[in-house]
Amino acid sequence: QALNLVPVEPGDMYIIEAGMPHAIGPGVFMVEVQEPTDWVVSAEFQVGEVSISRPAAFMGLSMDLALDIFDYSGPTGMEAVLSATLKRRRTESPTETLLVGPEDTDCFSARELRVVSDTEDVHRGRAYSGIVVQGSGEIVFPDGQVRLQQGDTFFVPAASRHEGYRSGEGMTVMLSFPPGAPADQREAEES
Protein backbone atom coordinates (compact mmCIF):
# COMPACT_ATOMS: atom_id res chain seq x y z
CA GLN A 1 0.00 0.00 0.00
CA ALA A 2 2.97 2.36 0.46
CA LEU A 3 4.16 2.07 -3.17
CA ASN A 4 2.97 3.77 -6.36
CA LEU A 5 0.95 1.45 -8.61
CA VAL A 6 2.56 1.48 -12.07
CA PRO A 7 0.45 -0.11 -14.82
CA VAL A 8 2.63 -2.13 -17.19
CA GLU A 9 2.21 -3.17 -20.80
CA PRO A 10 3.90 -6.02 -22.72
CA GLY A 11 7.34 -4.87 -23.83
CA ASP A 12 7.78 -2.28 -21.04
CA MET A 13 11.21 -2.18 -19.50
CA TYR A 14 12.26 -0.53 -16.25
CA ILE A 15 15.58 0.23 -14.61
CA ILE A 16 15.19 -0.03 -10.85
CA GLU A 17 18.17 1.58 -9.16
CA ALA A 18 19.61 0.05 -6.00
CA GLY A 19 17.72 1.27 -2.95
CA MET A 20 14.38 1.87 -4.72
CA PRO A 21 11.64 -0.06 -2.91
CA HIS A 22 9.64 -2.03 -5.45
CA ALA A 23 7.42 -5.06 -5.78
CA ILE A 24 6.09 -7.09 -8.70
CA GLY A 25 2.30 -7.07 -8.82
CA PRO A 26 -0.03 -10.00 -9.50
CA GLY A 27 -0.37 -11.13 -13.10
CA VAL A 28 2.98 -9.69 -14.20
CA PHE A 29 5.17 -12.13 -16.11
CA MET A 30 8.65 -10.71 -16.50
CA VAL A 31 12.35 -11.29 -16.94
CA GLU A 32 14.56 -9.72 -14.29
CA VAL A 33 18.21 -9.07 -15.04
CA GLN A 34 20.21 -7.80 -12.12
CA GLU A 35 23.68 -7.22 -10.82
CA PRO A 36 25.22 -10.54 -9.79
CA THR A 37 24.69 -10.42 -6.03
CA ASP A 38 22.86 -12.31 -3.32
CA TRP A 39 22.17 -9.15 -1.33
CA VAL A 40 18.40 -8.80 -1.33
CA VAL A 41 16.40 -7.32 1.52
CA SER A 42 12.68 -8.06 1.52
CA ALA A 43 10.41 -5.56 3.22
CA GLU A 44 7.62 -8.10 3.49
CA PHE A 45 7.28 -11.40 5.28
CA GLN A 46 4.50 -12.94 3.17
CA VAL A 47 4.76 -13.34 -0.61
CA GLY A 48 1.64 -15.10 -1.83
CA GLU A 49 1.57 -18.43 -0.03
CA VAL A 50 5.25 -18.24 0.96
CA SER A 51 6.21 -17.00 4.43
CA ILE A 52 9.65 -15.45 4.93
CA SER A 53 11.20 -15.28 8.37
CA ARG A 54 12.47 -11.90 9.60
CA PRO A 55 16.14 -13.07 9.61
CA ALA A 56 15.79 -14.37 6.03
CA ALA A 57 13.98 -11.23 4.82
CA PHE A 58 16.58 -8.93 6.40
CA MET A 59 19.64 -11.13 5.64
CA GLY A 60 20.26 -11.43 9.40
CA LEU A 61 20.51 -7.65 9.82
CA SER A 62 18.54 -5.67 12.39
CA MET A 63 15.31 -4.17 11.06
CA ASP A 64 16.67 -0.60 11.27
CA LEU A 65 19.86 -1.47 9.40
CA ALA A 66 18.01 -3.54 6.79
CA LEU A 67 15.48 -0.79 6.07
CA ASP A 68 18.29 1.77 5.90
CA ILE A 69 19.28 0.34 2.50
CA PHE A 70 16.24 1.97 0.89
CA ASP A 71 16.65 5.41 -0.68
CA TYR A 72 13.82 7.44 0.79
CA SER A 73 14.84 10.61 -1.09
CA GLY A 74 14.11 9.15 -4.52
CA PRO A 75 11.33 10.15 -6.89
CA THR A 76 7.82 10.50 -5.52
CA GLY A 77 4.55 10.48 -7.38
CA MET A 78 3.68 8.50 -10.51
CA GLU A 79 5.28 10.85 -13.07
CA ALA A 80 8.56 11.07 -11.15
CA VAL A 81 8.75 7.31 -10.70
CA LEU A 82 8.01 6.65 -14.37
CA SER A 83 10.54 9.19 -15.63
CA ALA A 84 13.19 7.69 -13.34
CA THR A 85 12.52 4.07 -14.23
CA LEU A 86 10.82 3.60 -17.63
CA LYS A 87 13.49 2.78 -20.17
CA ARG A 88 13.52 3.07 -23.94
CA ARG A 89 14.90 0.29 -26.10
CA ARG A 90 17.63 1.12 -28.64
CA THR A 91 17.40 -0.91 -31.84
CA GLU A 92 20.89 -1.55 -33.18
CA SER A 93 20.19 -3.90 -36.08
CA PRO A 94 17.29 -5.82 -37.63
CA THR A 95 18.01 -8.66 -35.20
CA GLU A 96 19.20 -6.96 -32.01
CA THR A 97 18.07 -4.33 -29.52
CA LEU A 98 20.21 -2.96 -26.70
CA LEU A 99 18.14 -3.05 -23.51
CA VAL A 100 20.67 -2.15 -20.81
CA GLY A 101 24.04 -0.69 -21.73
CA PRO A 102 27.02 1.06 -20.16
CA GLU A 103 25.20 4.38 -19.91
CA ASP A 104 22.66 2.65 -17.63
CA THR A 105 24.97 0.62 -15.36
CA ASP A 106 28.43 -0.89 -15.26
CA CYS A 107 27.09 -3.97 -13.43
CA PHE A 108 25.75 -5.91 -16.47
CA SER A 109 24.31 -5.43 -19.95
CA ALA A 110 21.27 -6.95 -21.65
CA ARG A 111 20.13 -7.32 -25.25
CA GLU A 112 17.13 -8.70 -27.07
CA LEU A 113 17.96 -11.00 -29.99
CA ARG A 114 15.30 -11.68 -32.64
CA VAL A 115 16.07 -14.92 -34.48
CA VAL A 116 14.54 -15.30 -37.91
CA SER A 117 15.77 -18.16 -40.10
CA ASP A 118 19.57 -18.44 -39.66
CA THR A 119 21.01 -15.71 -37.42
CA GLU A 120 24.74 -15.37 -36.80
CA ASP A 121 25.79 -14.86 -33.18
CA VAL A 122 27.80 -11.62 -33.23
CA HIS A 123 28.66 -12.26 -29.55
CA ARG A 124 30.68 -15.45 -30.11
CA GLY A 125 33.70 -15.32 -27.84
CA ARG A 126 31.77 -13.64 -25.01
CA ALA A 127 30.17 -15.43 -22.07
CA TYR A 128 26.46 -14.75 -21.60
CA SER A 129 23.22 -16.25 -20.38
CA GLY A 130 20.05 -16.46 -22.44
CA ILE A 131 16.32 -16.78 -21.82
CA VAL A 132 13.94 -17.69 -24.64
CA VAL A 133 11.03 -15.30 -24.10
CA GLN A 134 9.05 -16.06 -27.25
CA GLY A 135 8.92 -18.75 -29.93
CA SER A 136 11.30 -21.64 -30.40
CA GLY A 137 14.37 -22.56 -32.39
CA GLU A 138 17.85 -23.88 -31.82
CA ILE A 139 21.42 -22.90 -31.13
CA VAL A 140 23.52 -24.28 -33.99
CA PHE A 141 26.93 -25.99 -33.68
CA PRO A 142 29.16 -27.29 -36.51
CA ASP A 143 28.12 -30.86 -35.68
CA GLY A 144 24.53 -30.41 -34.49
CA GLN A 145 22.10 -28.21 -32.60
CA VAL A 146 20.37 -27.82 -29.25
CA ARG A 147 16.62 -27.22 -29.33
CA LEU A 148 15.30 -24.15 -27.48
CA GLN A 149 11.72 -23.23 -26.62
CA GLN A 150 9.93 -20.48 -24.73
CA GLY A 151 10.99 -20.48 -21.07
CA ASP A 152 14.34 -22.22 -21.63
CA THR A 153 17.38 -20.68 -19.97
CA PHE A 154 20.95 -21.42 -21.01
CA PHE A 155 24.56 -20.31 -20.58
CA VAL A 156 27.03 -19.77 -23.42
CA PRO A 157 30.68 -19.90 -22.32
CA ALA A 158 33.16 -17.65 -24.11
CA ALA A 159 34.85 -20.74 -25.58
CA SER A 160 31.61 -22.06 -27.15
CA ARG A 161 32.01 -23.24 -30.74
CA HIS A 162 28.41 -22.53 -31.72
CA GLU A 163 27.78 -20.65 -34.98
CA GLY A 164 24.50 -18.93 -34.27
CA TYR A 165 20.78 -19.49 -33.93
CA ARG A 166 18.01 -20.81 -36.20
CA SER A 167 14.25 -20.55 -36.07
CA GLY A 168 11.59 -21.21 -38.68
CA GLU A 169 8.77 -19.51 -36.75
CA GLY A 170 10.83 -16.79 -35.06
CA MET A 171 12.35 -16.74 -31.60
CA THR A 172 13.15 -13.90 -29.19
CA VAL A 173 16.00 -14.39 -26.73
CA MET A 174 17.09 -12.08 -23.91
CA LEU A 175 20.88 -12.10 -23.57
CA SER A 176 22.56 -10.99 -20.34
CA PHE A 177 26.28 -10.21 -20.18
CA PRO A 178 28.56 -9.92 -17.13
CA PRO A 179 30.12 -6.59 -16.13
CA GLY A 180 32.99 -5.26 -18.18
CA ALA A 181 32.30 -7.35 -21.31
CA PRO A 182 34.49 -6.14 -24.22
CA ALA A 183 31.59 -4.92 -26.38
CA ASP A 184 30.22 -2.92 -23.44
CA GLN A 185 33.57 -1.19 -23.05
CA ARG A 186 33.61 -0.29 -26.77
CA GLU A 187 30.06 1.11 -26.52
CA ALA A 188 31.01 3.24 -23.50
CA GLU A 189 34.02 4.65 -25.38
CA GLU A 190 31.89 5.44 -28.46
CA SER A 191 29.14 7.22 -26.49
C-alpha atoms as a PDB file:
ATOM      1  CA  GLN A   1       0.000   0.000   0.000  1.00  0.00           C
ATOM      2  CA  ALA A   2       2.973   2.359   0.458  1.00  0.00           C
ATOM      3  CA  LEU A   3       4.159   2.070  -3.170  1.00  0.00           C
ATOM      4  CA  ASN A   4       2.974   3.771  -6.363  1.00  0.00           C
ATOM      5  CA  LEU A   5       0.954   1.454  -8.610  1.00  0.00           C
ATOM      6  CA  VAL A   6       2.559   1.481 -12.074  1.00  0.00           C
ATOM      7  CA  PRO A   7       0.452  -0.106 -14.823  1.00  0.00           C
ATOM      8  CA  VAL A   8       2.633  -2.130 -17.190  1.00  0.00           C
ATOM      9  CA  GLU A   9       2.211  -3.173 -20.799  1.00  0.00           C
ATOM     10  CA  PRO A  10       3.895  -6.017 -22.720  1.00  0.00           C
ATOM     11  CA  GLY A  11       7.338  -4.873 -23.827  1.00  0.00           C
ATOM     12  CA  ASP A  12       7.777  -2.282 -21.038  1.00  0.00           C
ATOM     13  CA  MET A  13      11.212  -2.182 -19.498  1.00  0.00           C
ATOM     14  CA  TYR A  14      12.257  -0.528 -16.251  1.00  0.00           C
ATOM     15  CA  ILE A  15      15.579   0.230 -14.610  1.00  0.00           C
ATOM     16  CA  ILE A  16      15.187  -0.034 -10.846  1.00  0.00           C
ATOM     17  CA  GLU A  17      18.175   1.580  -9.160  1.00  0.00           C
ATOM     18  CA  ALA A  18      19.611   0.054  -6.002  1.00  0.00           C
ATOM     19  CA  GLY A  19      17.724   1.267  -2.948  1.00  0.00           C
ATOM     20  CA  MET A  20      14.385   1.874  -4.717  1.00  0.00           C
ATOM     21  CA  PRO A  21      11.640  -0.055  -2.905  1.00  0.00           C
ATOM     22  CA  HIS A  22       9.639  -2.028  -5.455  1.00  0.00           C
ATOM     23  CA  ALA A  23       7.415  -5.064  -5.782  1.00  0.00           C
ATOM     24  CA  ILE A  24       6.086  -7.094  -8.701  1.00  0.00           C
ATOM     25  CA  GLY A  25       2.296  -7.072  -8.819  1.00  0.00           C
ATOM     26  CA  PRO A  26      -0.026  -9.998  -9.495  1.00  0.00           C
ATOM     27  CA  GLY A  27      -0.374 -11.125 -13.099  1.00  0.00           C
ATOM     28  CA  VAL A  28       2.981  -9.693 -14.199  1.00  0.00           C
ATOM     29  CA  PHE A  29       5.170 -12.133 -16.109  1.00  0.00           C
ATOM     30  CA  MET A  30       8.655 -10.712 -16.504  1.00  0.00           C
ATOM     31  CA  VAL A  31      12.347 -11.294 -16.942  1.00  0.00           C
ATOM     32  CA  GLU A  32      14.562  -9.716 -14.294  1.00  0.00           C
ATOM     33  CA  VAL A  33      18.207  -9.071 -15.041  1.00  0.00           C
ATOM     34  CA  GLN A  34      20.210  -7.797 -12.118  1.00  0.00           C
ATOM     35  CA  GLU A  35      23.683  -7.220 -10.820  1.00  0.00           C
ATOM     36  CA  PRO A  36      25.217 -10.542  -9.789  1.00  0.00           C
ATOM     37  CA  THR A  37      24.686 -10.423  -6.032  1.00  0.00           C
ATOM     38  CA  ASP A  38      22.860 -12.309  -3.316  1.00  0.00           C
ATOM     39  CA  TRP A  39      22.168  -9.146  -1.328  1.00  0.00           C
ATOM     40  CA  VAL A  40      18.400  -8.804  -1.331  1.00  0.00           C
ATOM     41  CA  VAL A  41      16.403  -7.324   1.518  1.00  0.00           C
ATOM     42  CA  SER A  42      12.685  -8.057   1.515  1.00  0.00           C
ATOM     43  CA  ALA A  43      10.414  -5.558   3.221  1.00  0.00           C
ATOM     44  CA  GLU A  44       7.618  -8.105   3.494  1.00  0.00           C
ATOM     45  CA  PHE A  45       7.281 -11.401   5.277  1.00  0.00           C
ATOM     46  CA  GLN A  46       4.504 -12.938   3.166  1.00  0.00           C
ATOM     47  CA  VAL A  47       4.757 -13.341  -0.608  1.00  0.00           C
ATOM     48  CA  GLY A  48       1.641 -15.105  -1.827  1.00  0.00           C
ATOM     49  CA  GLU A  49       1.570 -18.435  -0.026  1.00  0.00           C
ATOM     50  CA  VAL A  50       5.250 -18.241   0.961  1.00  0.00           C
ATOM     51  CA  SER A  51       6.207 -17.002   4.431  1.00  0.00           C
ATOM     52  CA  ILE A  52       9.647 -15.452   4.925  1.00  0.00           C
ATOM     53  CA  SER A  53      11.202 -15.283   8.370  1.00  0.00           C
ATOM     54  CA  ARG A  54      12.470 -11.902   9.599  1.00  0.00           C
ATOM     55  CA  PRO A  55      16.136 -13.069   9.612  1.00  0.00           C
ATOM     56  CA  ALA A  56      15.790 -14.366   6.030  1.00  0.00           C
ATOM     57  CA  ALA A  57      13.981 -11.228   4.823  1.00  0.00           C
ATOM     58  CA  PHE A  58      16.581  -8.928   6.401  1.00  0.00           C
ATOM     59  CA  MET A  59      19.641 -11.128   5.643  1.00  0.00           C
ATOM     60  CA  GLY A  60      20.261 -11.430   9.396  1.00  0.00           C
ATOM     61  CA  LEU A  61      20.509  -7.646   9.822  1.00  0.00           C
ATOM     62  CA  SER A  62      18.542  -5.673  12.385  1.00  0.00           C
ATOM     63  CA  MET A  63      15.308  -4.175  11.060  1.00  0.00           C
ATOM     64  CA  ASP A  64      16.673  -0.603  11.275  1.00  0.00           C
ATOM     65  CA  LEU A  65      19.860  -1.469   9.405  1.00  0.00           C
ATOM     66  CA  ALA A  66      18.013  -3.542   6.788  1.00  0.00           C
ATOM     67  CA  LEU A  67      15.479  -0.791   6.072  1.00  0.00           C
ATOM     68  CA  ASP A  68      18.292   1.767   5.899  1.00  0.00           C
ATOM     69  CA  ILE A  69      19.281   0.343   2.499  1.00  0.00           C
ATOM     70  CA  PHE A  70      16.244   1.966   0.887  1.00  0.00           C
ATOM     71  CA  ASP A  71      16.649   5.406  -0.684  1.00  0.00           C
ATOM     72  CA  TYR A  72      13.820   7.440   0.793  1.00  0.00           C
ATOM     73  CA  SER A  73      14.835  10.608  -1.086  1.00  0.00           C
ATOM     74  CA  GLY A  74      14.107   9.145  -4.522  1.00  0.00           C
ATOM     75  CA  PRO A  75      11.326  10.150  -6.890  1.00  0.00           C
ATOM     76  CA  THR A  76       7.815  10.501  -5.522  1.00  0.00           C
ATOM     77  CA  GLY A  77       4.545  10.477  -7.383  1.00  0.00           C
ATOM     78  CA  MET A  78       3.679   8.504 -10.509  1.00  0.00           C
ATOM     79  CA  GLU A  79       5.282  10.852 -13.074  1.00  0.00           C
ATOM     80  CA  ALA A  80       8.557  11.075 -11.152  1.00  0.00           C
ATOM     81  CA  VAL A  81       8.747   7.307 -10.701  1.00  0.00           C
ATOM     82  CA  LEU A  82       8.011   6.649 -14.371  1.00  0.00           C
ATOM     83  CA  SER A  83      10.541   9.195 -15.631  1.00  0.00           C
ATOM     84  CA  ALA A  84      13.190   7.695 -13.345  1.00  0.00           C
ATOM     85  CA  THR A  85      12.524   4.066 -14.232  1.00  0.00           C
ATOM     86  CA  LEU A  86      10.820   3.603 -17.627  1.00  0.00           C
ATOM     87  CA  LYS A  87      13.485   2.775 -20.175  1.00  0.00           C
ATOM     88  CA  ARG A  88      13.520   3.070 -23.945  1.00  0.00           C
ATOM     89  CA  ARG A  89      14.897   0.291 -26.099  1.00  0.00           C
ATOM     90  CA  ARG A  90      17.627   1.123 -28.642  1.00  0.00           C
ATOM     91  CA  THR A  91      17.401  -0.910 -31.838  1.00  0.00           C
ATOM     92  CA  GLU A  92      20.894  -1.552 -33.178  1.00  0.00           C
ATOM     93  CA  SER A  93      20.193  -3.905 -36.079  1.00  0.00           C
ATOM     94  CA  PRO A  94      17.294  -5.820 -37.625  1.00  0.00           C
ATOM     95  CA  THR A  95      18.013  -8.664 -35.196  1.00  0.00           C
ATOM     96  CA  GLU A  96      19.201  -6.959 -32.012  1.00  0.00           C
ATOM     97  CA  THR A  97      18.068  -4.325 -29.517  1.00  0.00           C
ATOM     98  CA  LEU A  98      20.209  -2.957 -26.695  1.00  0.00           C
ATOM     99  CA  LEU A  99      18.139  -3.053 -23.509  1.00  0.00           C
ATOM    100  CA  VAL A 100      20.666  -2.145 -20.810  1.00  0.00           C
ATOM    101  CA  GLY A 101      24.038  -0.686 -21.726  1.00  0.00           C
ATOM    102  CA  PRO A 102      27.017   1.056 -20.161  1.00  0.00           C
ATOM    103  CA  GLU A 103      25.195   4.382 -19.910  1.00  0.00           C
ATOM    104  CA  ASP A 104      22.659   2.647 -17.627  1.00  0.00           C
ATOM    105  CA  THR A 105      24.966   0.623 -15.364  1.00  0.00           C
ATOM    106  CA  ASP A 106      28.428  -0.895 -15.264  1.00  0.00           C
ATOM    107  CA  CYS A 107      27.089  -3.967 -13.434  1.00  0.00           C
ATOM    108  CA  PHE A 108      25.754  -5.905 -16.475  1.00  0.00           C
ATOM    109  CA  SER A 109      24.305  -5.435 -19.950  1.00  0.00           C
ATOM    110  CA  ALA A 110      21.272  -6.952 -21.653  1.00  0.00           C
ATOM    111  CA  ARG A 111      20.134  -7.320 -25.249  1.00  0.00           C
ATOM    112  CA  GLU A 112      17.125  -8.702 -27.069  1.00  0.00           C
ATOM    113  CA  LEU A 113      17.961 -11.001 -29.993  1.00  0.00           C
ATOM    114  CA  ARG A 114      15.300 -11.681 -32.636  1.00  0.00           C
ATOM    115  CA  VAL A 115      16.068 -14.920 -34.476  1.00  0.00           C
ATOM    116  CA  VAL A 116      14.540 -15.300 -37.909  1.00  0.00           C
ATOM    117  CA  SER A 117      15.771 -18.156 -40.099  1.00  0.00           C
ATOM    118  CA  ASP A 118      19.568 -18.443 -39.657  1.00  0.00           C
ATOM    119  CA  THR A 119      21.008 -15.711 -37.420  1.00  0.00           C
ATOM    120  CA  GLU A 120      24.739 -15.370 -36.796  1.00  0.00           C
ATOM    121  CA  ASP A 121      25.788 -14.856 -33.180  1.00  0.00           C
ATOM    122  CA  VAL A 122      27.801 -11.624 -33.229  1.00  0.00           C
ATOM    123  CA  HIS A 123      28.660 -12.256 -29.551  1.00  0.00           C
ATOM    124  CA  ARG A 124      30.681 -15.447 -30.108  1.00  0.00           C
ATOM    125  CA  GLY A 125      33.700 -15.323 -27.840  1.00  0.00           C
ATOM    126  CA  ARG A 126      31.774 -13.638 -25.008  1.00  0.00           C
ATOM    127  CA  ALA A 127      30.173 -15.425 -22.074  1.00  0.00           C
ATOM    128  CA  TYR A 128      26.458 -14.745 -21.597  1.00  0.00           C
ATOM    129  CA  SER A 129      23.218 -16.249 -20.385  1.00  0.00           C
ATOM    130  CA  GLY A 130      20.046 -16.460 -22.436  1.00  0.00           C
ATOM    131  CA  ILE A 131      16.322 -16.782 -21.821  1.00  0.00           C
ATOM    132  CA  VAL A 132      13.936 -17.686 -24.643  1.00  0.00           C
ATOM    133  CA  VAL A 133      11.026 -15.303 -24.099  1.00  0.00           C
ATOM    134  CA  GLN A 134       9.051 -16.062 -27.255  1.00  0.00           C
ATOM    135  CA  GLY A 135       8.921 -18.745 -29.932  1.00  0.00           C
ATOM    136  CA  SER A 136      11.303 -21.643 -30.404  1.00  0.00           C
ATOM    137  CA  GLY A 137      14.367 -22.565 -32.389  1.00  0.00           C
ATOM    138  CA  GLU A 138      17.850 -23.879 -31.815  1.00  0.00           C
ATOM    139  CA  ILE A 139      21.421 -22.902 -31.132  1.00  0.00           C
ATOM    140  CA  VAL A 140      23.524 -24.285 -33.990  1.00  0.00           C
ATOM    141  CA  PHE A 141      26.927 -25.990 -33.683  1.00  0.00           C
ATOM    142  CA  PRO A 142      29.162 -27.285 -36.506  1.00  0.00           C
ATOM    143  CA  ASP A 143      28.121 -30.862 -35.680  1.00  0.00           C
ATOM    144  CA  GLY A 144      24.530 -30.408 -34.495  1.00  0.00           C
ATOM    145  CA  GLN A 145      22.103 -28.212 -32.603  1.00  0.00           C
ATOM    146  CA  VAL A 146      20.372 -27.824 -29.249  1.00  0.00           C
ATOM    147  CA  ARG A 147      16.625 -27.225 -29.332  1.00  0.00           C
ATOM    148  CA  LEU A 148      15.295 -24.148 -27.481  1.00  0.00           C
ATOM    149  CA  GLN A 149      11.720 -23.228 -26.623  1.00  0.00           C
ATOM    150  CA  GLN A 150       9.933 -20.477 -24.729  1.00  0.00           C
ATOM    151  CA  GLY A 151      10.991 -20.483 -21.068  1.00  0.00           C
ATOM    152  CA  ASP A 152      14.338 -22.217 -21.628  1.00  0.00           C
ATOM    153  CA  THR A 153      17.382 -20.677 -19.975  1.00  0.00           C
ATOM    154  CA  PHE A 154      20.951 -21.424 -21.005  1.00  0.00           C
ATOM    155  CA  PHE A 155      24.558 -20.309 -20.579  1.00  0.00           C
ATOM    156  CA  VAL A 156      27.027 -19.775 -23.415  1.00  0.00           C
ATOM    157  CA  PRO A 157      30.683 -19.904 -22.321  1.00  0.00           C
ATOM    158  CA  ALA A 158      33.164 -17.649 -24.110  1.00  0.00           C
ATOM    159  CA  ALA A 159      34.846 -20.743 -25.584  1.00  0.00           C
ATOM    160  CA  SER A 160      31.609 -22.060 -27.151  1.00  0.00           C
ATOM    161  CA  ARG A 161      32.009 -23.241 -30.742  1.00  0.00           C
ATOM    162  CA  HIS A 162      28.405 -22.530 -31.721  1.00  0.00           C
ATOM    163  CA  GLU A 163      27.778 -20.649 -34.979  1.00  0.00           C
ATOM    164  CA  GLY A 164      24.497 -18.926 -34.269  1.00  0.00           C
ATOM    165  CA  TYR A 165      20.776 -19.489 -33.932  1.00  0.00           C
ATOM    166  CA  ARG A 166      18.015 -20.809 -36.199  1.00  0.00           C
ATOM    167  CA  SER A 167      14.247 -20.550 -36.070  1.00  0.00           C
ATOM    168  CA  GLY A 168      11.590 -21.209 -38.679  1.00  0.00           C
ATOM    169  CA  GLU A 169       8.773 -19.511 -36.749  1.00  0.00           C
ATOM    170  CA  GLY A 170      10.826 -16.794 -35.061  1.00  0.00           C
ATOM    171  CA  MET A 171      12.351 -16.737 -31.600  1.00  0.00           C
ATOM    172  CA  THR A 172      13.146 -13.899 -29.185  1.00  0.00           C
ATOM    173  CA  VAL A 173      16.002 -14.386 -26.732  1.00  0.00           C
ATOM    174  CA  MET A 174      17.092 -12.079 -23.906  1.00  0.00           C
ATOM    175  CA  LEU A 175      20.882 -12.103 -23.572  1.00  0.00           C
ATOM    176  CA  SER A 176      22.560 -10.994 -20.338  1.00  0.00           C
ATOM    177  CA  PHE A 177      26.282 -10.205 -20.179  1.00  0.00           C
ATOM    178  CA  PRO A 178      28.557  -9.919 -17.133  1.00  0.00           C
ATOM    179  CA  PRO A 179      30.119  -6.594 -16.133  1.00  0.00           C
ATOM    180  CA  GLY A 180      32.991  -5.264 -18.184  1.00  0.00           C
ATOM    181  CA  ALA A 181      32.299  -7.350 -21.306  1.00  0.00           C
ATOM    182  CA  PRO A 182      34.493  -6.137 -24.223  1.00  0.00           C
ATOM    183  CA  ALA A 183      31.590  -4.917 -26.378  1.00  0.00           C
ATOM    184  CA  ASP A 184      30.225  -2.915 -23.437  1.00  0.00           C
ATOM    185  CA  GLN A 185      33.571  -1.187 -23.045  1.00  0.00           C
ATOM    186  CA  ARG A 186      33.611  -0.288 -26.774  1.00  0.00           C
ATOM    187  CA  GLU A 187      30.064   1.109 -26.519  1.00  0.00           C
ATOM    188  CA  ALA A 188      31.008   3.236 -23.505  1.00  0.00           C
ATOM    189  CA  GLU A 189      34.024   4.651 -25.385  1.00  0.00           C
ATOM    190  CA  GLU A 190      31.886   5.437 -28.456  1.00  0.00           C
ATOM    191  CA  SER A 191      29.142   7.218 -26.486  1.00  0.00           C
END
